């Protein structure tokens, strides 16, 4: 297993649509997920999508315990989500700061659905079906956007709220995805 390089905004692979996973529980899928996990942990990320490490598959991982980069965030259970489907449960959106390991050193205010249901499978094909809100909802939407070739700056509605982290939040620890 390995910590893999994270693609940065500007790499055309980040703009491609990810393909559905057709086989579960394979050594290749297990290795991909382990590499994603080690990469996310090494970078103190809240989540990671397979396209961010150059694998064009519909696989995302996310999870937050106590993280110094997200001191006010509620815990989000570690999840491997394959072939996700998101259904907004309200049209209400919430604006909050986001960053991304593929857009290092920057933050922006991004509107996201306040509450949603997500479904998919774990790496073994077992079903996942959750209804979430708050930070959990935001993280899932952010990661699943990567599967559609969408980076968070594409969702920003007011570019006065987009900038370099060290300028926006002087004296704070770096905050990416």
N, C-alpha and C. Protein backbone atom coordinates (compact mmCIF):
# COMPACT_ATOMS: atom_id res chain seq x y z
N UNK A 1 0.85 -1.17 0.00
CA UNK A 1 0.00 0.00 0.00
C UNK A 1 0.90 1.24 0.00
N UNK A 2 0.30 2.38 -0.43
CA UNK A 2 1.16 3.54 -0.62
C UNK A 2 0.39 4.83 -0.49
N UNK A 3 1.12 5.87 -0.11
CA UNK A 3 0.60 7.22 -0.18
C UNK A 3 0.80 7.67 -1.62
N UNK A 4 -0.29 8.06 -2.26
CA UNK A 4 -0.22 8.40 -3.68
C UNK A 4 -0.24 9.91 -3.86
N UNK A 5 0.37 10.40 -4.94
CA UNK A 5 0.30 11.83 -5.24
C UNK A 5 -1.14 12.23 -5.56
N UNK A 6 -1.54 13.40 -5.07
CA UNK A 6 -2.88 13.93 -5.33
C UNK A 6 -2.80 14.88 -6.53
N UNK A 7 -3.66 14.64 -7.52
CA UNK A 7 -3.71 15.51 -8.69
C UNK A 7 -4.18 16.90 -8.27
N UNK A 8 -3.66 17.91 -8.94
CA UNK A 8 -4.02 19.29 -8.62
C UNK A 8 -4.89 19.88 -9.72
N UNK A 9 -5.70 20.86 -9.31
CA UNK A 9 -6.57 21.57 -10.23
C UNK A 9 -5.76 22.00 -11.45
N UNK A 10 -6.29 21.76 -12.62
CA UNK A 10 -5.59 22.01 -13.87
C UNK A 10 -5.27 20.71 -14.58
N UNK A 11 -5.17 19.61 -13.82
CA UNK A 11 -4.95 18.30 -14.43
C UNK A 11 -6.27 17.86 -15.06
N UNK A 12 -6.28 17.60 -16.36
CA UNK A 12 -7.55 17.26 -17.04
C UNK A 12 -8.23 16.00 -16.51
N UNK A 13 -7.50 15.12 -15.86
CA UNK A 13 -8.11 13.89 -15.32
C UNK A 13 -9.13 14.22 -14.22
N UNK A 14 -8.96 15.36 -13.56
CA UNK A 14 -9.92 15.75 -12.51
C UNK A 14 -11.26 16.19 -13.08
N UNK A 15 -11.32 16.44 -14.36
CA UNK A 15 -12.55 16.91 -15.00
C UNK A 15 -13.33 15.78 -15.69
N UNK A 16 -12.80 14.57 -15.65
CA UNK A 16 -13.45 13.43 -16.31
C UNK A 16 -14.53 12.82 -15.42
N UNK A 17 -15.50 12.17 -16.07
CA UNK A 17 -16.52 11.43 -15.34
C UNK A 17 -15.94 10.09 -14.90
N UNK A 18 -16.13 9.74 -13.65
CA UNK A 18 -15.64 8.46 -13.13
C UNK A 18 -16.58 7.33 -13.56
N UNK A 19 -16.00 6.17 -13.74
CA UNK A 19 -16.76 4.98 -14.17
C UNK A 19 -17.26 4.19 -12.96
N UNK A 20 -18.41 3.55 -13.12
CA UNK A 20 -18.95 2.70 -12.06
C UNK A 20 -18.02 1.51 -11.80
N UNK A 21 -17.94 1.13 -10.55
CA UNK A 21 -17.22 -0.09 -10.17
C UNK A 21 -18.14 -1.26 -10.48
N UNK A 22 -17.61 -2.26 -11.19
CA UNK A 22 -18.42 -3.41 -11.58
C UNK A 22 -18.15 -4.64 -10.73
N UNK A 23 -16.94 -4.74 -10.17
CA UNK A 23 -16.58 -5.90 -9.36
C UNK A 23 -16.15 -5.44 -7.97
N UNK A 24 -16.74 -6.06 -6.97
CA UNK A 24 -16.46 -5.71 -5.59
C UNK A 24 -15.58 -6.77 -4.94
N UNK A 25 -14.88 -6.35 -3.87
CA UNK A 25 -14.07 -7.29 -3.10
C UNK A 25 -12.85 -7.82 -3.84
N UNK A 26 -12.40 -7.10 -4.85
CA UNK A 26 -11.23 -7.56 -5.61
C UNK A 26 -9.96 -7.02 -4.96
N UNK A 27 -8.83 -7.69 -5.18
CA UNK A 27 -7.56 -7.16 -4.66
C UNK A 27 -7.25 -5.77 -5.20
N UNK A 28 -7.62 -5.48 -6.45
CA UNK A 28 -7.35 -4.17 -7.04
C UNK A 28 -8.16 -3.08 -6.33
N UNK A 29 -9.43 -3.36 -6.05
CA UNK A 29 -10.27 -2.39 -5.35
C UNK A 29 -9.77 -2.21 -3.92
N UNK A 30 -9.42 -3.30 -3.27
CA UNK A 30 -8.90 -3.22 -1.90
C UNK A 30 -7.62 -2.37 -1.84
N UNK A 31 -6.72 -2.57 -2.80
CA UNK A 31 -5.47 -1.79 -2.85
C UNK A 31 -5.76 -0.32 -3.09
N UNK A 32 -6.67 -0.03 -4.02
CA UNK A 32 -7.04 1.36 -4.29
C UNK A 32 -7.56 2.03 -3.02
N UNK A 33 -8.46 1.36 -2.32
CA UNK A 33 -9.05 1.95 -1.11
C UNK A 33 -8.01 2.12 -0.01
N UNK A 34 -7.13 1.15 0.13
CA UNK A 34 -6.07 1.27 1.14
C UNK A 34 -5.14 2.44 0.80
N UNK A 35 -4.80 2.58 -0.47
CA UNK A 35 -3.96 3.71 -0.89
C UNK A 35 -4.68 5.04 -0.66
N UNK A 36 -5.97 5.09 -0.95
CA UNK A 36 -6.75 6.30 -0.70
C UNK A 36 -6.75 6.64 0.78
N UNK A 37 -6.97 5.63 1.61
CA UNK A 37 -7.00 5.84 3.06
C UNK A 37 -5.66 6.37 3.58
N UNK A 38 -4.57 5.73 3.16
CA UNK A 38 -3.24 6.17 3.61
C UNK A 38 -2.93 7.58 3.12
N UNK A 39 -3.34 7.90 1.89
CA UNK A 39 -3.11 9.23 1.34
C UNK A 39 -3.91 10.28 2.11
N UNK A 40 -5.19 9.99 2.35
CA UNK A 40 -6.04 10.92 3.09
C UNK A 40 -5.50 11.15 4.50
N UNK A 41 -5.12 10.08 5.17
CA UNK A 41 -4.59 10.19 6.54
C UNK A 41 -3.29 10.99 6.57
N UNK A 42 -2.41 10.74 5.62
CA UNK A 42 -1.12 11.44 5.59
C UNK A 42 -1.29 12.94 5.40
N UNK A 43 -2.37 13.33 4.72
CA UNK A 43 -2.61 14.74 4.42
C UNK A 43 -3.65 15.37 5.35
N UNK A 44 -4.09 14.63 6.36
CA UNK A 44 -5.12 15.10 7.30
C UNK A 44 -6.39 15.54 6.58
N UNK A 45 -6.77 14.80 5.56
CA UNK A 45 -7.97 15.15 4.81
C UNK A 45 -9.23 14.64 5.48
N UNK A 46 -10.36 15.23 5.10
CA UNK A 46 -11.67 14.77 5.57
C UNK A 46 -12.23 13.74 4.61
N UNK A 47 -11.69 13.70 3.40
CA UNK A 47 -12.18 12.77 2.40
C UNK A 47 -11.25 12.75 1.20
N UNK A 48 -11.50 11.79 0.33
CA UNK A 48 -10.71 11.67 -0.89
C UNK A 48 -11.53 10.87 -1.90
N UNK A 49 -11.47 11.28 -3.14
CA UNK A 49 -12.13 10.58 -4.23
C UNK A 49 -11.07 9.92 -5.11
N UNK A 50 -11.40 8.76 -5.64
CA UNK A 50 -10.45 8.01 -6.46
C UNK A 50 -9.87 8.85 -7.61
N UNK A 51 -10.66 9.68 -8.30
CA UNK A 51 -10.07 10.49 -9.37
C UNK A 51 -8.94 11.42 -8.90
N UNK A 52 -8.94 11.78 -7.63
CA UNK A 52 -7.89 12.67 -7.13
C UNK A 52 -6.52 12.01 -7.11
N UNK A 53 -6.50 10.68 -7.14
CA UNK A 53 -5.21 9.99 -7.22
C UNK A 53 -5.07 9.28 -8.57
N UNK A 54 -5.86 9.73 -9.55
CA UNK A 54 -5.71 9.25 -10.92
C UNK A 54 -6.47 7.99 -11.25
N UNK A 55 -7.36 7.53 -10.37
CA UNK A 55 -8.17 6.33 -10.64
C UNK A 55 -9.58 6.79 -10.99
N UNK A 56 -9.99 6.61 -12.21
CA UNK A 56 -11.27 7.11 -12.69
C UNK A 56 -12.44 6.22 -12.34
N UNK A 57 -12.58 5.87 -11.07
CA UNK A 57 -13.66 5.01 -10.60
C UNK A 57 -14.53 5.74 -9.59
N UNK A 58 -15.79 5.33 -9.48
CA UNK A 58 -16.73 5.94 -8.54
C UNK A 58 -16.51 5.37 -7.14
N UNK A 59 -15.43 5.84 -6.52
CA UNK A 59 -15.07 5.44 -5.17
C UNK A 59 -14.69 6.70 -4.40
N UNK A 60 -15.32 6.89 -3.24
CA UNK A 60 -14.93 7.98 -2.35
C UNK A 60 -14.78 7.41 -0.94
N UNK A 61 -13.91 8.04 -0.19
CA UNK A 61 -13.79 7.73 1.23
C UNK A 61 -13.89 9.04 1.99
N UNK A 62 -14.39 8.98 3.21
CA UNK A 62 -14.45 10.17 4.04
C UNK A 62 -14.61 9.75 5.49
N UNK A 63 -14.29 10.66 6.36
CA UNK A 63 -14.43 10.42 7.79
C UNK A 63 -13.64 11.45 8.56
N UNK A 64 -14.24 11.92 9.65
CA UNK A 64 -13.59 12.93 10.48
C UNK A 64 -13.82 12.56 11.93
N UNK A 65 -12.74 12.46 12.67
CA UNK A 65 -12.84 12.35 14.13
C UNK A 65 -12.48 13.73 14.66
N UNK A 66 -11.65 13.82 15.63
CA UNK A 66 -11.16 15.13 16.07
C UNK A 66 -10.00 15.49 15.16
N UNK A 67 -10.16 16.55 14.41
CA UNK A 67 -9.16 16.95 13.44
C UNK A 67 -8.82 18.42 13.70
N UNK A 68 -7.54 18.73 13.93
CA UNK A 68 -7.18 20.12 14.22
C UNK A 68 -7.52 21.07 13.07
N UNK A 69 -7.64 20.54 11.86
CA UNK A 69 -8.00 21.39 10.73
C UNK A 69 -9.48 21.67 10.68
N UNK A 70 -10.29 20.88 11.43
CA UNK A 70 -11.74 21.06 11.48
C UNK A 70 -12.20 21.05 12.93
N UNK A 71 -11.76 22.03 13.73
CA UNK A 71 -12.03 21.99 15.17
C UNK A 71 -13.50 22.06 15.53
N UNK A 72 -14.34 22.65 14.68
CA UNK A 72 -15.75 22.80 15.00
C UNK A 72 -16.64 21.76 14.32
N UNK A 73 -16.04 20.89 13.53
CA UNK A 73 -16.84 19.91 12.77
C UNK A 73 -17.27 18.75 13.65
N UNK A 74 -18.52 18.31 13.43
CA UNK A 74 -18.96 17.12 14.12
C UNK A 74 -18.27 15.91 13.50
N UNK A 75 -18.23 14.82 14.26
CA UNK A 75 -17.59 13.62 13.74
C UNK A 75 -18.41 13.04 12.59
N UNK A 76 -17.69 12.51 11.62
CA UNK A 76 -18.30 11.83 10.47
C UNK A 76 -17.69 10.43 10.45
N UNK A 77 -18.50 9.38 10.44
CA UNK A 77 -17.93 8.03 10.48
C UNK A 77 -17.13 7.73 9.22
N UNK A 78 -16.00 7.02 9.43
CA UNK A 78 -15.20 6.63 8.28
C UNK A 78 -16.05 5.74 7.38
N UNK A 79 -16.10 6.10 6.10
CA UNK A 79 -16.95 5.41 5.15
C UNK A 79 -16.23 5.22 3.83
N UNK A 80 -16.37 4.03 3.27
CA UNK A 80 -15.99 3.74 1.90
C UNK A 80 -17.30 3.68 1.13
N UNK A 81 -17.46 4.54 0.14
CA UNK A 81 -18.71 4.62 -0.61
C UNK A 81 -18.41 4.42 -2.10
N UNK A 82 -19.00 3.38 -2.66
CA UNK A 82 -18.76 3.00 -4.05
C UNK A 82 -20.06 3.19 -4.84
N UNK A 83 -19.94 3.73 -6.04
CA UNK A 83 -21.09 3.98 -6.91
C UNK A 83 -22.19 4.76 -6.19
N UNK A 84 -21.86 5.92 -5.63
CA UNK A 84 -22.84 6.65 -4.82
C UNK A 84 -23.94 7.30 -5.64
N UNK A 85 -25.10 7.42 -4.99
CA UNK A 85 -26.23 8.18 -5.50
C UNK A 85 -26.66 9.13 -4.40
N UNK A 86 -26.76 10.42 -4.72
CA UNK A 86 -27.15 11.43 -3.75
C UNK A 86 -28.53 11.97 -4.09
N UNK A 87 -29.37 12.10 -3.07
CA UNK A 87 -30.70 12.66 -3.25
C UNK A 87 -30.90 13.78 -2.23
N UNK A 88 -30.98 15.03 -2.67
CA UNK A 88 -31.25 16.12 -1.72
C UNK A 88 -32.62 15.91 -1.09
N UNK A 89 -32.73 16.16 0.21
CA UNK A 89 -34.00 16.01 0.92
C UNK A 89 -34.64 17.35 1.22
N UNK A 90 -33.99 18.41 0.81
CA UNK A 90 -34.51 19.76 0.94
C UNK A 90 -33.84 20.62 -0.13
N UNK A 91 -34.49 21.68 -0.49
CA UNK A 91 -33.86 22.63 -1.41
C UNK A 91 -33.03 23.66 -0.64
N UNK A 92 -33.13 23.61 0.70
CA UNK A 92 -32.36 24.53 1.53
C UNK A 92 -30.87 24.24 1.38
N UNK A 93 -30.10 25.31 1.21
CA UNK A 93 -28.65 25.16 1.13
C UNK A 93 -27.99 25.93 2.27
N UNK A 94 -26.78 25.54 2.56
CA UNK A 94 -25.96 26.20 3.56
C UNK A 94 -24.63 26.57 2.92
N UNK A 95 -24.17 27.77 3.21
CA UNK A 95 -22.86 28.22 2.73
C UNK A 95 -21.84 27.94 3.83
N UNK A 96 -20.71 27.39 3.46
CA UNK A 96 -19.63 27.22 4.42
C UNK A 96 -18.31 27.11 3.66
N UNK A 97 -17.22 27.24 4.43
CA UNK A 97 -15.88 27.18 3.84
C UNK A 97 -15.53 25.75 3.44
N UNK A 98 -14.91 25.62 2.29
CA UNK A 98 -14.37 24.35 1.84
C UNK A 98 -12.97 24.56 1.31
N UNK A 99 -12.23 23.48 1.37
CA UNK A 99 -10.92 23.40 0.76
C UNK A 99 -10.84 22.05 0.08
N UNK A 100 -9.71 21.78 -0.53
CA UNK A 100 -9.58 20.52 -1.26
C UNK A 100 -8.11 20.18 -1.42
N UNK A 101 -7.80 18.92 -1.27
CA UNK A 101 -6.42 18.47 -1.45
C UNK A 101 -5.95 18.69 -2.89
N UNK A 102 -6.88 18.81 -3.83
CA UNK A 102 -6.53 19.08 -5.22
C UNK A 102 -6.44 20.58 -5.53
N UNK A 103 -6.80 21.40 -4.56
CA UNK A 103 -6.72 22.86 -4.69
C UNK A 103 -5.99 23.36 -3.44
N UNK A 104 -4.73 22.97 -3.27
CA UNK A 104 -4.04 23.23 -2.01
C UNK A 104 -3.84 24.72 -1.73
N UNK A 105 -3.98 25.04 -0.44
CA UNK A 105 -3.70 26.39 0.01
C UNK A 105 -4.82 27.39 -0.22
N UNK A 106 -5.98 26.94 -0.68
CA UNK A 106 -7.08 27.85 -0.97
C UNK A 106 -8.35 27.38 -0.25
N UNK A 107 -9.26 28.33 -0.03
CA UNK A 107 -10.56 28.06 0.58
C UNK A 107 -11.60 28.91 -0.13
N UNK A 108 -12.84 28.44 -0.05
CA UNK A 108 -13.94 29.22 -0.62
C UNK A 108 -15.25 28.86 0.05
N UNK A 109 -16.20 29.80 0.02
CA UNK A 109 -17.54 29.57 0.54
C UNK A 109 -18.36 28.88 -0.55
N UNK A 110 -18.90 27.72 -0.20
CA UNK A 110 -19.61 26.89 -1.18
C UNK A 110 -21.01 26.56 -0.66
N UNK A 111 -22.03 26.76 -1.49
CA UNK A 111 -23.37 26.35 -1.09
C UNK A 111 -23.54 24.84 -1.30
N UNK A 112 -24.13 24.18 -0.31
CA UNK A 112 -24.40 22.74 -0.41
C UNK A 112 -25.80 22.47 0.15
N UNK A 113 -26.42 21.40 -0.32
CA UNK A 113 -27.72 21.01 0.25
C UNK A 113 -27.54 20.72 1.74
N UNK A 114 -28.47 21.21 2.53
CA UNK A 114 -28.38 21.07 3.98
C UNK A 114 -28.62 19.63 4.44
N UNK A 115 -29.45 18.90 3.72
CA UNK A 115 -29.80 17.54 4.14
C UNK A 115 -29.93 16.67 2.89
N UNK A 116 -29.38 15.47 2.96
CA UNK A 116 -29.48 14.58 1.81
C UNK A 116 -29.44 13.12 2.24
N UNK A 117 -29.82 12.29 1.31
CA UNK A 117 -29.72 10.84 1.47
C UNK A 117 -28.67 10.36 0.48
N UNK A 118 -27.78 9.50 0.96
CA UNK A 118 -26.86 8.90 0.02
C UNK A 118 -26.94 7.39 0.11
N UNK A 119 -26.82 6.80 -1.06
CA UNK A 119 -26.85 5.35 -1.19
C UNK A 119 -25.69 4.90 -2.06
N UNK A 120 -25.30 3.68 -1.87
CA UNK A 120 -24.23 3.09 -2.65
C UNK A 120 -23.86 1.78 -2.00
N UNK A 121 -22.61 1.40 -2.15
CA UNK A 121 -22.12 0.15 -1.59
C UNK A 121 -20.79 0.39 -0.90
N UNK A 122 -20.43 -0.53 -0.02
CA UNK A 122 -19.06 -0.51 0.49
C UNK A 122 -18.20 -1.29 -0.50
N UNK A 123 -16.94 -1.49 -0.16
CA UNK A 123 -16.02 -2.11 -1.12
C UNK A 123 -16.33 -3.58 -1.39
N UNK A 124 -17.20 -4.17 -0.56
CA UNK A 124 -17.57 -5.57 -0.75
C UNK A 124 -18.94 -5.73 -1.41
N UNK A 125 -19.56 -4.62 -1.76
CA UNK A 125 -20.86 -4.65 -2.41
C UNK A 125 -22.04 -4.61 -1.44
N UNK A 126 -21.76 -4.48 -0.15
CA UNK A 126 -22.86 -4.37 0.83
C UNK A 126 -23.48 -2.99 0.74
N UNK A 127 -24.82 -2.91 0.79
CA UNK A 127 -25.48 -1.62 0.61
C UNK A 127 -25.25 -0.65 1.77
N UNK A 128 -25.17 0.64 1.40
CA UNK A 128 -25.11 1.75 2.34
C UNK A 128 -26.26 2.67 2.00
N UNK A 129 -26.99 3.10 3.02
CA UNK A 129 -28.13 4.00 2.83
C UNK A 129 -28.22 4.87 4.07
N UNK A 130 -27.87 6.16 3.94
CA UNK A 130 -27.86 7.07 5.09
C UNK A 130 -28.53 8.39 4.74
N UNK A 131 -29.15 8.97 5.75
CA UNK A 131 -29.67 10.32 5.66
C UNK A 131 -28.81 11.18 6.59
N UNK A 132 -28.26 12.28 6.04
CA UNK A 132 -27.30 13.09 6.79
C UNK A 132 -27.56 14.57 6.58
N UNK A 133 -26.96 15.37 7.46
CA UNK A 133 -27.03 16.82 7.34
C UNK A 133 -25.74 17.41 7.87
N UNK A 134 -25.63 18.73 7.81
CA UNK A 134 -24.47 19.42 8.36
C UNK A 134 -23.18 19.09 7.63
N UNK A 135 -22.11 19.02 8.42
CA UNK A 135 -20.78 18.77 7.86
C UNK A 135 -20.71 17.44 7.11
N UNK A 136 -21.39 16.42 7.63
CA UNK A 136 -21.41 15.10 6.98
C UNK A 136 -21.97 15.24 5.55
N UNK A 137 -23.07 15.95 5.43
CA UNK A 137 -23.68 16.17 4.13
C UNK A 137 -22.73 16.91 3.19
N UNK A 138 -22.06 17.93 3.72
CA UNK A 138 -21.12 18.72 2.93
C UNK A 138 -19.98 17.87 2.41
N UNK A 139 -19.39 17.05 3.28
CA UNK A 139 -18.25 16.22 2.88
C UNK A 139 -18.65 15.25 1.78
N UNK A 140 -19.80 14.60 1.93
CA UNK A 140 -20.26 13.64 0.92
C UNK A 140 -20.46 14.33 -0.42
N UNK A 141 -21.11 15.49 -0.40
CA UNK A 141 -21.34 16.22 -1.67
C UNK A 141 -20.03 16.63 -2.32
N UNK A 142 -19.09 17.11 -1.50
CA UNK A 142 -17.78 17.53 -2.02
C UNK A 142 -17.08 16.35 -2.70
N UNK A 143 -17.01 15.22 -2.00
CA UNK A 143 -16.30 14.06 -2.56
C UNK A 143 -17.00 13.53 -3.80
N UNK A 144 -18.31 13.44 -3.76
CA UNK A 144 -19.03 12.91 -4.92
C UNK A 144 -18.96 13.84 -6.13
N UNK A 145 -18.80 15.14 -5.89
CA UNK A 145 -18.58 16.06 -7.02
C UNK A 145 -17.36 15.63 -7.83
N UNK A 146 -16.32 15.16 -7.15
CA UNK A 146 -15.11 14.73 -7.87
C UNK A 146 -15.43 13.63 -8.90
N UNK A 147 -16.43 12.82 -8.63
CA UNK A 147 -16.78 11.73 -9.54
C UNK A 147 -17.46 12.25 -10.81
N UNK A 148 -17.94 13.51 -10.73
CA UNK A 148 -18.58 14.16 -11.88
C UNK A 148 -17.65 15.17 -12.55
N UNK A 149 -16.39 15.20 -12.12
CA UNK A 149 -15.44 16.15 -12.70
C UNK A 149 -15.64 17.58 -12.21
N UNK A 150 -16.20 17.73 -11.00
CA UNK A 150 -16.48 19.05 -10.45
C UNK A 150 -15.57 19.30 -9.26
N UNK A 151 -14.87 20.43 -9.28
CA UNK A 151 -14.06 20.88 -8.15
C UNK A 151 -14.81 22.01 -7.46
N UNK A 152 -14.63 22.13 -6.14
CA UNK A 152 -15.45 23.08 -5.39
C UNK A 152 -15.42 24.52 -5.91
N UNK A 153 -14.30 25.03 -6.50
CA UNK A 153 -14.37 26.40 -7.01
C UNK A 153 -15.46 26.59 -8.07
N UNK A 154 -15.83 25.51 -8.76
CA UNK A 154 -16.88 25.60 -9.78
C UNK A 154 -18.25 25.86 -9.16
N UNK A 155 -18.39 25.63 -7.86
CA UNK A 155 -19.67 25.83 -7.16
C UNK A 155 -19.73 27.16 -6.42
N UNK A 156 -18.63 27.87 -6.33
CA UNK A 156 -18.61 29.15 -5.60
C UNK A 156 -19.48 30.16 -6.33
N UNK A 157 -20.33 30.85 -5.58
CA UNK A 157 -21.24 31.83 -6.19
C UNK A 157 -20.75 33.26 -6.02
N UNK A 158 -19.83 33.50 -5.10
CA UNK A 158 -19.29 34.84 -4.86
C UNK A 158 -17.78 34.72 -4.70
N UNK A 159 -17.06 35.10 -5.73
CA UNK A 159 -15.61 34.91 -5.72
C UNK A 159 -14.88 35.86 -4.77
N UNK A 160 -15.60 36.74 -4.11
CA UNK A 160 -14.99 37.53 -3.03
C UNK A 160 -14.73 36.65 -1.81
N UNK A 161 -15.34 35.45 -1.80
CA UNK A 161 -15.16 34.50 -0.68
C UNK A 161 -14.26 33.34 -1.09
N UNK A 162 -13.35 33.60 -2.00
CA UNK A 162 -12.42 32.57 -2.47
C UNK A 162 -11.02 33.16 -2.41
N UNK A 163 -10.10 32.44 -1.77
CA UNK A 163 -8.75 32.97 -1.71
C UNK A 163 -7.79 32.01 -1.04
N UNK A 164 -6.61 32.50 -0.82
CA UNK A 164 -5.58 31.69 -0.18
C UNK A 164 -5.84 31.61 1.31
N UNK A 165 -5.72 30.42 1.84
CA UNK A 165 -6.01 30.15 3.24
C UNK A 165 -5.23 31.06 4.17
N UNK A 166 -3.94 31.24 3.90
CA UNK A 166 -3.11 32.04 4.82
C UNK A 166 -3.49 33.52 4.80
N UNK A 167 -4.16 33.98 3.74
CA UNK A 167 -4.63 35.36 3.67
C UNK A 167 -6.01 35.48 4.33
N UNK A 168 -6.89 34.52 4.03
CA UNK A 168 -8.24 34.53 4.59
C UNK A 168 -8.24 34.29 6.10
N UNK A 169 -7.35 33.40 6.56
CA UNK A 169 -7.31 32.98 7.96
C UNK A 169 -5.88 33.09 8.50
N UNK A 170 -5.35 34.29 8.62
CA UNK A 170 -3.95 34.42 9.07
C UNK A 170 -3.77 33.81 10.47
N UNK A 171 -2.66 33.08 10.61
CA UNK A 171 -2.33 32.50 11.90
C UNK A 171 -2.98 31.17 12.20
N UNK A 172 -3.87 30.68 11.32
CA UNK A 172 -4.50 29.38 11.54
C UNK A 172 -3.74 28.28 10.82
N UNK A 173 -3.93 27.06 11.28
CA UNK A 173 -3.32 25.90 10.62
C UNK A 173 -3.91 25.77 9.21
N UNK A 174 -3.14 25.24 8.26
CA UNK A 174 -3.65 25.05 6.91
C UNK A 174 -4.89 24.16 6.91
N UNK A 175 -5.87 24.51 6.06
CA UNK A 175 -7.09 23.73 5.96
C UNK A 175 -7.32 23.38 4.50
N UNK A 176 -7.24 22.14 4.17
CA UNK A 176 -7.61 21.71 2.83
C UNK A 176 -8.82 20.82 2.95
N UNK A 177 -9.01 19.91 2.03
CA UNK A 177 -10.21 19.08 1.98
C UNK A 177 -10.49 18.38 3.29
